[in-house]
């Protein structure tokens, strides 16, 4: 069991399970605890790489290189 859970949901007793008398004003005599452990959903992180293109005064066009592992598939 986690020592410090992220969320606590209290399930209250409203009435007696036998005579149905209201117990809303009575403090609890104790609690039974159970924990559910969930993994958060996996999120896709997209990084766009942009290679600059520059045209020199001499007329030559130069493009920056992409790092290794960045494919040309779109």
Protein backbone atom coordinates (compact mmCIF):
# COMPACT_ATOMS: atom_id res chain seq x y z
CA UNK A 1 0.00 0.00 0.00
CA UNK A 2 1.24 3.47 -0.87
CA UNK A 3 2.00 5.61 2.16
CA UNK A 4 0.71 8.79 0.50
CA UNK A 5 -1.95 8.04 -2.16
CA UNK A 6 -2.61 10.67 -4.83
CA UNK A 7 -6.38 10.58 -4.31
CA UNK A 8 -8.63 9.41 -1.48
CA UNK A 9 -12.28 8.54 -2.14
CA UNK A 10 -14.42 8.16 0.98
CA UNK A 11 -17.38 5.80 0.72
CA UNK A 12 -19.75 6.93 3.45
CA UNK A 13 -22.28 4.88 5.42
CA UNK A 14 -25.62 6.66 5.16
CA UNK A 15 -27.84 4.19 7.01
CA UNK A 16 -27.79 0.96 9.00
CA UNK A 17 -27.59 -2.13 6.84
CA UNK A 18 -30.17 -3.90 9.01
CA UNK A 19 -32.75 -1.40 10.35
CA UNK A 20 -32.03 1.39 7.82
CA UNK A 21 -31.77 4.03 10.59
CA UNK A 22 -29.84 7.10 9.45
CA UNK A 23 -26.18 7.14 10.46
CA UNK A 24 -25.20 10.34 8.64
CA UNK A 25 -24.55 12.27 11.88
CA UNK A 26 -22.47 9.46 13.45
CA UNK A 27 -18.68 9.60 13.06
CA UNK A 28 -17.09 6.42 11.67
CA UNK A 29 -15.88 3.80 14.14
CA UNK A 30 -13.09 2.89 11.74
CA UNK A 31 -12.25 2.47 8.06
CA UNK A 32 -11.20 -0.38 5.79
CA UNK A 33 -8.71 0.69 3.12
CA UNK A 34 -8.06 -0.69 -0.33
CA UNK A 35 -5.90 0.86 -3.04
CA UNK A 36 -6.06 0.68 -6.82
CA UNK A 37 -2.79 1.34 -8.65
CA UNK A 38 -3.21 2.69 -12.19
CA UNK A 39 -0.62 3.58 -14.80
CA UNK A 40 -1.28 6.84 -16.64
CA UNK A 41 -1.92 6.53 -20.38
CA UNK A 42 1.13 6.65 -22.61
CA UNK A 43 1.29 9.86 -24.62
CA UNK A 44 3.06 10.21 -27.95
CA UNK A 45 5.56 13.08 -28.05
CA UNK A 46 6.22 14.45 -31.54
CA UNK A 47 9.37 16.42 -32.29
CA UNK A 48 9.56 18.17 -35.65
CA UNK A 49 13.03 18.68 -37.10
CA UNK A 50 13.43 21.51 -39.62
CA UNK A 51 16.54 21.77 -41.79
CA UNK A 52 17.21 25.31 -42.99
CA UNK A 53 17.85 26.01 -46.65
CA UNK A 54 19.90 29.04 -47.63
CA UNK A 55 20.86 30.48 -50.98
CA UNK A 56 24.32 32.02 -51.12
CA UNK A 57 25.14 35.14 -53.16
CA UNK A 58 27.25 32.84 -55.36
CA UNK A 59 24.06 31.02 -56.33
CA UNK A 60 24.72 27.79 -54.37
CA UNK A 61 21.84 26.43 -52.26
CA UNK A 62 22.86 24.76 -49.00
CA UNK A 63 20.66 22.75 -46.66
CA UNK A 64 21.44 21.83 -43.06
CA UNK A 65 21.88 18.13 -42.27
CA UNK A 66 19.36 16.27 -40.14
CA UNK A 67 20.78 14.42 -37.14
CA UNK A 68 21.31 10.67 -37.37
CA UNK A 69 18.11 8.74 -36.77
CA UNK A 70 15.77 11.38 -38.23
CA UNK A 71 14.37 9.69 -41.31
CA UNK A 72 12.95 11.31 -44.45
CA UNK A 73 9.63 9.44 -44.12
CA UNK A 74 6.73 11.84 -43.74
